[in-house]
Amino acid sequence: QSKGKKPLFVQLVLDNIWSLYEAVMKRDKEKIEKIVTSLGLKIGARESRHADPKVHLNAICSQWLPISDAVLSMVCNKLPSPLDITAERVEKLMCVGARTFDSLPPETQELKTAFMKCSSEGTAPVIVFVSKMFAVDAKALPHNKPR
């Protein structure tokens, strides 16, 4: 970088995305057509002629770089298997704040083995784990919406 060279990620990924973005926002039809044909995409006439260039950009990107495929492949390739979880990690996930695993009720402590087995048998207990919670305005809840 100190010699004026771009990092490899910038050269191979970001520059291509940025050139597509600029071409669509400036409505450079020749460049857009070249990019679309080189990527082998089929963009509908409706998206191409839309007044908002972001619709056209979204149509191209959703075919070129579909987010669902990318997220699913990253989850499958990068996240560790739930079967590889350690007993200590399970105890940390089951305890909130300064509470210790030993202070949990015996019924809850018995769920530790089921948690670690990840069994799909009919007799296995169903465990729901909420990893992140966020505040929602009470007016946005379905039972509080005006009818």
N, C-alpha and C. Protein backbone atom coordinates (compact mmCIF):
# COMPACT_ATOMS: atom_id res chain seq x y z
N GLN A 1 0.82 -1.19 0.00
CA GLN A 1 0.00 0.00 0.00
C GLN A 1 0.87 1.26 0.00
N SER A 2 2.01 1.17 0.63
CA SER A 2 2.86 2.35 0.71
C SER A 2 3.41 2.74 -0.66
N LYS A 3 3.49 1.80 -1.60
CA LYS A 3 4.01 2.08 -2.95
C LYS A 3 2.88 2.44 -3.91
N GLY A 4 1.69 2.68 -3.39
CA GLY A 4 0.56 3.07 -4.23
C GLY A 4 -0.21 1.89 -4.80
N LYS A 5 0.13 0.68 -4.39
CA LYS A 5 -0.59 -0.49 -4.87
C LYS A 5 -1.82 -0.72 -4.00
N LYS A 6 -2.88 -1.20 -4.64
CA LYS A 6 -4.11 -1.49 -3.91
C LYS A 6 -4.02 -2.89 -3.33
N PRO A 7 -4.65 -3.11 -2.18
CA PRO A 7 -4.72 -4.48 -1.65
C PRO A 7 -5.47 -5.39 -2.63
N LEU A 8 -5.19 -6.67 -2.58
CA LEU A 8 -5.77 -7.63 -3.51
C LEU A 8 -7.30 -7.65 -3.43
N PHE A 9 -7.86 -7.56 -2.22
CA PHE A 9 -9.31 -7.55 -2.06
C PHE A 9 -9.93 -6.35 -2.78
N VAL A 10 -9.28 -5.22 -2.70
CA VAL A 10 -9.79 -4.02 -3.37
C VAL A 10 -9.75 -4.21 -4.88
N GLN A 11 -8.64 -4.75 -5.38
CA GLN A 11 -8.50 -4.95 -6.83
C GLN A 11 -9.52 -5.94 -7.38
N LEU A 12 -9.70 -7.05 -6.69
CA LEU A 12 -10.53 -8.11 -7.23
C LEU A 12 -12.01 -8.00 -6.89
N VAL A 13 -12.35 -7.39 -5.77
CA VAL A 13 -13.75 -7.36 -5.34
C VAL A 13 -14.33 -5.94 -5.35
N LEU A 14 -13.76 -5.08 -4.53
CA LEU A 14 -14.36 -3.76 -4.34
C LEU A 14 -14.37 -2.90 -5.61
N ASP A 15 -13.30 -2.95 -6.39
CA ASP A 15 -13.27 -2.16 -7.63
C ASP A 15 -14.37 -2.58 -8.59
N ASN A 16 -14.62 -3.88 -8.67
CA ASN A 16 -15.68 -4.37 -9.57
C ASN A 16 -17.06 -3.92 -9.10
N ILE A 17 -17.29 -4.02 -7.81
CA ILE A 17 -18.58 -3.57 -7.27
C ILE A 17 -18.74 -2.06 -7.46
N TRP A 18 -17.67 -1.33 -7.22
CA TRP A 18 -17.74 0.13 -7.35
C TRP A 18 -17.96 0.55 -8.81
N SER A 19 -17.32 -0.13 -9.76
CA SER A 19 -17.51 0.23 -11.17
C SER A 19 -18.95 -0.07 -11.60
N LEU A 20 -19.52 -1.17 -11.12
CA LEU A 20 -20.92 -1.47 -11.42
C LEU A 20 -21.82 -0.39 -10.82
N TYR A 21 -21.58 -0.01 -9.58
CA TYR A 21 -22.38 1.02 -8.91
C TYR A 21 -22.32 2.35 -9.67
N GLU A 22 -21.12 2.76 -10.05
CA GLU A 22 -20.98 4.02 -10.79
C GLU A 22 -21.68 3.97 -12.14
N ALA A 23 -21.55 2.86 -12.85
CA ALA A 23 -22.17 2.74 -14.17
C ALA A 23 -23.69 2.82 -14.06
N VAL A 24 -24.26 2.17 -13.07
CA VAL A 24 -25.72 2.19 -12.92
C VAL A 24 -26.20 3.57 -12.47
N MET A 25 -25.51 4.17 -11.52
CA MET A 25 -25.95 5.48 -11.02
C MET A 25 -25.81 6.57 -12.09
N LYS A 26 -24.79 6.46 -12.95
CA LYS A 26 -24.61 7.44 -14.02
C LYS A 26 -25.38 7.07 -15.28
N ARG A 27 -26.04 5.90 -15.23
CA ARG A 27 -26.83 5.38 -16.35
C ARG A 27 -26.00 5.24 -17.63
N ASP A 28 -24.81 4.69 -17.50
CA ASP A 28 -23.92 4.41 -18.63
C ASP A 28 -24.34 3.08 -19.23
N LYS A 29 -25.23 3.15 -20.25
CA LYS A 29 -25.85 1.93 -20.79
C LYS A 29 -24.83 0.98 -21.42
N GLU A 30 -23.82 1.52 -22.08
CA GLU A 30 -22.82 0.66 -22.71
C GLU A 30 -22.04 -0.14 -21.67
N LYS A 31 -21.61 0.52 -20.63
CA LYS A 31 -20.84 -0.15 -19.59
C LYS A 31 -21.70 -1.16 -18.84
N ILE A 32 -22.95 -0.80 -18.56
CA ILE A 32 -23.86 -1.72 -17.87
C ILE A 32 -24.07 -2.96 -18.72
N GLU A 33 -24.31 -2.77 -20.01
CA GLU A 33 -24.53 -3.91 -20.91
C GLU A 33 -23.30 -4.81 -20.96
N LYS A 34 -22.12 -4.21 -20.99
CA LYS A 34 -20.88 -4.98 -21.01
C LYS A 34 -20.73 -5.81 -19.73
N ILE A 35 -21.01 -5.19 -18.59
CA ILE A 35 -20.90 -5.89 -17.30
C ILE A 35 -21.92 -7.02 -17.23
N VAL A 36 -23.16 -6.75 -17.62
CA VAL A 36 -24.23 -7.74 -17.53
C VAL A 36 -23.92 -8.94 -18.44
N THR A 37 -23.46 -8.68 -19.66
CA THR A 37 -23.15 -9.79 -20.57
C THR A 37 -21.92 -10.56 -20.11
N SER A 38 -20.92 -9.88 -19.56
CA SER A 38 -19.72 -10.60 -19.10
C SER A 38 -20.03 -11.47 -17.89
N LEU A 39 -21.01 -11.07 -17.08
CA LEU A 39 -21.41 -11.87 -15.93
C LEU A 39 -22.45 -12.94 -16.29
N GLY A 40 -23.01 -12.86 -17.51
CA GLY A 40 -24.01 -13.83 -17.95
C GLY A 40 -25.34 -13.69 -17.24
N LEU A 41 -25.74 -12.46 -16.97
CA LEU A 41 -27.00 -12.20 -16.26
C LEU A 41 -28.11 -11.84 -17.24
N LYS A 42 -29.34 -12.04 -16.80
CA LYS A 42 -30.50 -11.66 -17.59
C LYS A 42 -31.33 -10.68 -16.75
N ILE A 43 -31.23 -9.41 -17.11
CA ILE A 43 -31.96 -8.36 -16.38
C ILE A 43 -33.19 -8.00 -17.18
N GLY A 44 -34.33 -7.98 -16.52
CA GLY A 44 -35.59 -7.65 -17.19
C GLY A 44 -35.64 -6.20 -17.63
N ALA A 45 -36.42 -5.97 -18.69
CA ALA A 45 -36.55 -4.61 -19.23
C ALA A 45 -37.19 -3.68 -18.21
N ARG A 46 -38.06 -4.23 -17.38
CA ARG A 46 -38.75 -3.41 -16.38
C ARG A 46 -37.74 -2.80 -15.40
N GLU A 47 -36.80 -3.63 -14.92
CA GLU A 47 -35.78 -3.13 -13.99
C GLU A 47 -34.82 -2.16 -14.67
N SER A 48 -34.49 -2.44 -15.94
CA SER A 48 -33.54 -1.58 -16.66
C SER A 48 -34.09 -0.18 -16.89
N ARG A 49 -35.40 -0.11 -17.14
CA ARG A 49 -36.01 1.19 -17.47
C ARG A 49 -36.57 1.91 -16.25
N HIS A 50 -36.47 1.33 -15.09
CA HIS A 50 -37.06 1.93 -13.89
C HIS A 50 -36.44 3.30 -13.63
N ALA A 51 -37.24 4.22 -13.11
CA ALA A 51 -36.78 5.58 -12.84
C ALA A 51 -35.70 5.62 -11.76
N ASP A 52 -35.80 4.72 -10.80
CA ASP A 52 -34.83 4.68 -9.71
C ASP A 52 -33.68 3.74 -10.10
N PRO A 53 -32.45 4.25 -10.22
CA PRO A 53 -31.34 3.39 -10.60
C PRO A 53 -31.02 2.31 -9.58
N LYS A 54 -31.46 2.51 -8.33
CA LYS A 54 -31.21 1.50 -7.31
C LYS A 54 -31.97 0.20 -7.60
N VAL A 55 -33.10 0.29 -8.26
CA VAL A 55 -33.87 -0.90 -8.65
C VAL A 55 -33.06 -1.72 -9.65
N HIS A 56 -32.46 -1.03 -10.61
CA HIS A 56 -31.61 -1.68 -11.62
C HIS A 56 -30.38 -2.30 -10.95
N LEU A 57 -29.77 -1.57 -10.05
CA LEU A 57 -28.59 -2.06 -9.33
C LEU A 57 -28.95 -3.29 -8.48
N ASN A 58 -30.09 -3.24 -7.83
CA ASN A 58 -30.55 -4.37 -7.01
C ASN A 58 -30.80 -5.60 -7.88
N ALA A 59 -31.37 -5.41 -9.07
CA ALA A 59 -31.64 -6.54 -9.97
C ALA A 59 -30.34 -7.20 -10.41
N ILE A 60 -29.33 -6.41 -10.70
CA ILE A 60 -28.03 -6.95 -11.12
C ILE A 60 -27.35 -7.66 -9.97
N CYS A 61 -27.28 -7.00 -8.82
CA CYS A 61 -26.57 -7.58 -7.66
C CYS A 61 -27.26 -8.83 -7.12
N SER A 62 -28.59 -8.87 -7.17
CA SER A 62 -29.28 -10.04 -6.64
C SER A 62 -29.04 -11.27 -7.49
N GLN A 63 -28.72 -11.09 -8.77
CA GLN A 63 -28.37 -12.24 -9.62
C GLN A 63 -26.88 -12.54 -9.56
N TRP A 64 -26.07 -11.50 -9.49
CA TRP A 64 -24.62 -11.67 -9.50
C TRP A 64 -24.10 -12.18 -8.16
N LEU A 65 -24.54 -11.54 -7.09
CA LEU A 65 -24.08 -11.87 -5.74
C LEU A 65 -25.27 -12.12 -4.83
N PRO A 66 -26.00 -13.23 -5.00
CA PRO A 66 -27.18 -13.46 -4.15
C PRO A 66 -26.78 -13.64 -2.68
N ILE A 67 -27.34 -12.82 -1.83
CA ILE A 67 -26.97 -12.80 -0.41
C ILE A 67 -27.34 -14.10 0.29
N SER A 68 -28.45 -14.72 -0.09
CA SER A 68 -28.87 -15.95 0.58
C SER A 68 -27.85 -17.07 0.37
N ASP A 69 -27.36 -17.22 -0.85
CA ASP A 69 -26.34 -18.25 -1.12
C ASP A 69 -25.05 -17.96 -0.38
N ALA A 70 -24.66 -16.70 -0.35
CA ALA A 70 -23.41 -16.33 0.32
C ALA A 70 -23.49 -16.59 1.82
N VAL A 71 -24.60 -16.20 2.44
CA VAL A 71 -24.74 -16.39 3.89
C VAL A 71 -24.81 -17.88 4.23
N LEU A 72 -25.59 -18.64 3.47
CA LEU A 72 -25.71 -20.08 3.74
C LEU A 72 -24.37 -20.78 3.59
N SER A 73 -23.62 -20.47 2.55
CA SER A 73 -22.32 -21.13 2.36
C SER A 73 -21.34 -20.73 3.46
N MET A 74 -21.37 -19.48 3.91
CA MET A 74 -20.48 -19.06 4.98
C MET A 74 -20.85 -19.75 6.30
N VAL A 75 -22.14 -19.90 6.57
CA VAL A 75 -22.57 -20.58 7.78
C VAL A 75 -22.12 -22.04 7.74
N CYS A 76 -22.31 -22.68 6.60
CA CYS A 76 -21.92 -24.10 6.48
C CYS A 76 -20.41 -24.29 6.55
N ASN A 77 -19.65 -23.38 5.96
CA ASN A 77 -18.19 -23.55 5.89
C ASN A 77 -17.45 -23.02 7.11
N LYS A 78 -17.93 -21.98 7.74
CA LYS A 78 -17.16 -21.30 8.78
C LYS A 78 -17.62 -21.56 10.20
N LEU A 79 -18.92 -21.73 10.42
CA LEU A 79 -19.40 -21.94 11.78
C LEU A 79 -19.09 -23.36 12.23
N PRO A 80 -18.66 -23.52 13.47
CA PRO A 80 -18.37 -24.87 13.95
C PRO A 80 -19.66 -25.67 14.13
N SER A 81 -19.53 -26.97 14.04
CA SER A 81 -20.67 -27.86 14.22
C SER A 81 -21.18 -27.74 15.66
N PRO A 82 -22.49 -27.77 15.86
CA PRO A 82 -23.02 -27.72 17.23
C PRO A 82 -22.60 -28.94 18.05
N LEU A 83 -22.26 -30.02 17.37
CA LEU A 83 -21.84 -31.23 18.09
C LEU A 83 -20.44 -31.08 18.69
N ASP A 84 -19.67 -30.09 18.23
CA ASP A 84 -18.32 -29.86 18.75
C ASP A 84 -18.27 -28.94 19.95
N ILE A 85 -19.43 -28.54 20.48
CA ILE A 85 -19.46 -27.60 21.59
C ILE A 85 -18.94 -28.27 22.87
N THR A 86 -18.23 -27.51 23.66
CA THR A 86 -17.69 -28.03 24.91
C THR A 86 -18.71 -27.87 26.04
N ALA A 87 -18.52 -28.66 27.08
CA ALA A 87 -19.44 -28.60 28.23
C ALA A 87 -19.38 -27.22 28.90
N GLU A 88 -18.18 -26.63 28.96
CA GLU A 88 -18.04 -25.30 29.58
C GLU A 88 -18.81 -24.26 28.79
N ARG A 89 -18.78 -24.37 27.47
CA ARG A 89 -19.48 -23.40 26.62
C ARG A 89 -20.99 -23.53 26.82
N VAL A 90 -21.49 -24.75 26.92
CA VAL A 90 -22.91 -24.96 27.15
C VAL A 90 -23.34 -24.34 28.47
N GLU A 91 -22.51 -24.52 29.50
CA GLU A 91 -22.84 -23.95 30.80
C GLU A 91 -22.88 -22.43 30.74
N LYS A 92 -21.93 -21.83 30.00
CA LYS A 92 -21.94 -20.36 29.86
C LYS A 92 -23.17 -19.89 29.11
N LEU A 93 -23.59 -20.64 28.09
CA LEU A 93 -24.77 -20.24 27.32
C LEU A 93 -26.06 -20.37 28.13
N MET A 94 -26.08 -21.33 29.03
CA MET A 94 -27.29 -21.56 29.83
C MET A 94 -27.40 -20.64 31.03
N CYS A 95 -26.32 -20.00 31.42
CA CYS A 95 -26.32 -19.12 32.59
C CYS A 95 -26.36 -17.66 32.15
N VAL A 96 -27.11 -16.87 32.87
CA VAL A 96 -27.24 -15.46 32.56
C VAL A 96 -26.49 -14.65 33.61
N GLY A 97 -25.67 -13.72 33.15
CA GLY A 97 -24.99 -12.82 34.07
C GLY A 97 -24.04 -13.52 35.01
N ALA A 98 -24.12 -13.19 36.30
CA ALA A 98 -23.21 -13.74 37.31
C ALA A 98 -23.71 -15.08 37.86
N ARG A 99 -24.81 -15.56 37.37
CA ARG A 99 -25.37 -16.83 37.85
C ARG A 99 -24.49 -18.00 37.42
N THR A 100 -24.32 -18.98 38.30
CA THR A 100 -23.51 -20.15 37.97
C THR A 100 -24.40 -21.30 37.54
N PHE A 101 -23.81 -22.25 36.83
CA PHE A 101 -24.56 -23.40 36.34
C PHE A 101 -25.12 -24.23 37.50
N ASP A 102 -24.36 -24.32 38.57
CA ASP A 102 -24.80 -25.11 39.74
C ASP A 102 -26.03 -24.52 40.42
N SER A 103 -26.27 -23.22 40.23
CA SER A 103 -27.42 -22.59 40.87
C SER A 103 -28.72 -22.79 40.08
N LEU A 104 -28.63 -23.36 38.89
CA LEU A 104 -29.83 -23.61 38.07
C LEU A 104 -30.61 -24.79 38.65
N PRO A 105 -31.92 -24.84 38.42
CA PRO A 105 -32.72 -25.97 38.90
C PRO A 105 -32.23 -27.28 38.26
N PRO A 106 -32.40 -28.40 38.94
CA PRO A 106 -31.93 -29.70 38.42
C PRO A 106 -32.51 -30.04 37.04
N GLU A 107 -33.77 -29.66 36.79
CA GLU A 107 -34.38 -29.93 35.49
C GLU A 107 -33.64 -29.20 34.37
N THR A 108 -33.23 -27.99 34.66
CA THR A 108 -32.48 -27.19 33.68
C THR A 108 -31.09 -27.76 33.48
N GLN A 109 -30.45 -28.20 34.55
CA GLN A 109 -29.12 -28.78 34.44
C GLN A 109 -29.14 -30.05 33.60
N GLU A 110 -30.24 -30.81 33.66
CA GLU A 110 -30.35 -32.03 32.86
C GLU A 110 -30.41 -31.73 31.36
N LEU A 111 -30.80 -30.52 31.00
CA LEU A 111 -30.87 -30.15 29.58
C LEU A 111 -29.48 -30.02 28.95
N LYS A 112 -28.47 -29.93 29.78
CA LYS A 112 -27.10 -29.77 29.27
C LYS A 112 -26.73 -30.92 28.33
N THR A 113 -27.04 -32.16 28.71
CA THR A 113 -26.69 -33.30 27.86
C THR A 113 -27.48 -33.26 26.55
N ALA A 114 -28.76 -32.89 26.62
CA ALA A 114 -29.58 -32.78 25.40
C ALA A 114 -29.05 -31.67 24.50
N PHE A 115 -28.62 -30.59 25.12
CA PHE A 115 -28.05 -29.45 24.40
C PHE A 115 -26.82 -29.90 23.62
N MET A 116 -25.98 -30.72 24.25
CA MET A 116 -24.73 -31.15 23.63
C MET A 116 -24.94 -32.23 22.57
N LYS A 117 -26.01 -33.03 22.69
CA LYS A 117 -26.26 -34.10 21.72
C LYS A 117 -26.89 -33.58 20.43
N CYS A 118 -27.65 -32.50 20.51
CA CYS A 118 -28.38 -31.95 19.35
C CYS A 118 -29.24 -33.02 18.69
N SER A 119 -29.92 -33.80 19.48
CA SER A 119 -30.71 -34.91 18.97
C SER A 119 -32.02 -34.43 18.35
N SER A 120 -32.42 -35.11 17.28
CA SER A 120 -33.69 -34.78 16.64
C SER A 120 -34.73 -35.87 16.87
N GLU A 121 -34.47 -36.76 17.82
CA GLU A 121 -35.42 -37.82 18.15
C GLU A 121 -36.70 -37.23 18.72
N GLY A 122 -37.78 -37.99 18.60
CA GLY A 122 -39.07 -37.52 19.12
C GLY A 122 -39.10 -37.39 20.62
N THR A 123 -38.25 -38.15 21.32
CA THR A 123 -38.23 -38.10 22.78
C THR A 123 -37.30 -37.02 23.32
N ALA A 124 -36.48 -36.46 22.46
CA ALA A 124 -35.53 -35.42 22.90
C ALA A 124 -36.29 -34.13 23.23
N PRO A 125 -35.85 -33.43 24.27
CA PRO A 125 -36.53 -32.17 24.60
C PRO A 125 -36.26 -31.09 23.54
N VAL A 126 -37.22 -30.22 23.38
CA VAL A 126 -37.07 -29.10 22.45
C VAL A 126 -36.44 -27.95 23.21
N ILE A 127 -35.31 -27.46 22.71
CA ILE A 127 -34.61 -26.37 23.38
C ILE A 127 -34.59 -25.18 22.43
N VAL A 128 -35.05 -24.04 22.92
CA VAL A 128 -35.03 -22.82 22.14
C VAL A 128 -34.00 -21.91 22.78
N PHE A 129 -33.09 -21.42 21.98
CA PHE A 129 -32.02 -20.57 22.49
C PHE A 129 -32.09 -19.21 21.80
N VAL A 130 -32.34 -18.15 22.55
CA VAL A 130 -32.38 -16.80 22.02
C VAL A 130 -31.02 -16.18 22.25
N SER A 131 -30.32 -15.88 21.15
CA SER A 131 -28.95 -15.39 21.31
C SER A 131 -28.87 -13.88 21.38
N LYS A 132 -29.89 -13.17 20.88
CA LYS A 132 -29.84 -11.72 20.92
C LYS A 132 -31.26 -11.19 21.02
N MET A 133 -31.45 -10.26 21.89
CA MET A 133 -32.75 -9.63 22.03
C MET A 133 -32.60 -8.13 21.82
N PHE A 134 -33.62 -7.52 21.26
CA PHE A 134 -33.57 -6.08 21.07
C PHE A 134 -34.94 -5.48 21.37
N ALA A 135 -34.91 -4.23 21.75
CA ALA A 135 -36.13 -3.55 22.15
C ALA A 135 -37.00 -3.24 20.93
N VAL A 136 -38.29 -3.44 21.10
CA VAL A 136 -39.26 -3.12 20.06
C VAL A 136 -40.32 -2.23 20.69
N ASP A 137 -40.70 -1.18 19.98
CA ASP A 137 -41.74 -0.30 20.48
C ASP A 137 -43.04 -1.10 20.65
N ALA A 138 -43.71 -0.90 21.76
CA ALA A 138 -44.93 -1.66 22.06
C ALA A 138 -46.00 -1.45 20.99
N LYS A 139 -46.01 -0.30 20.34
CA LYS A 139 -46.99 -0.03 19.29
C LYS A 139 -46.76 -0.90 18.06
N ALA A 140 -45.54 -1.39 17.88
CA ALA A 140 -45.20 -2.21 16.71
C ALA A 140 -45.61 -3.67 16.88
N LEU A 141 -45.96 -4.08 18.09
CA LEU A 141 -46.37 -5.47 18.32
C LEU A 141 -47.73 -5.72 17.70
N PRO A 142 -47.93 -6.92 17.15
CA PRO A 142 -49.19 -7.21 16.42
C PRO A 142 -50.45 -7.00 17.24
N HIS A 143 -50.43 -7.34 18.52
CA HIS A 143 -51.65 -7.19 19.30
C HIS A 143 -51.93 -5.74 19.70
N ASN A 144 -51.01 -4.81 19.45
CA ASN A 144 -51.23 -3.41 19.77
C ASN A 144 -51.50 -2.56 18.54
N LYS A 145 -51.48 -3.17 17.35
CA LYS A 145 -51.71 -2.38 16.14
C LYS A 145 -53.19 -2.04 16.02
N PRO A 146 -53.47 -0.82 15.52
CA PRO A 146 -54.89 -0.44 15.36
C PRO A 146 -55.54 -1.28 14.26
N ARG A 147 -56.81 -1.58 14.45
CA ARG A 147 -57.55 -2.40 13.48
C ARG A 147 -58.38 -1.53 12.57
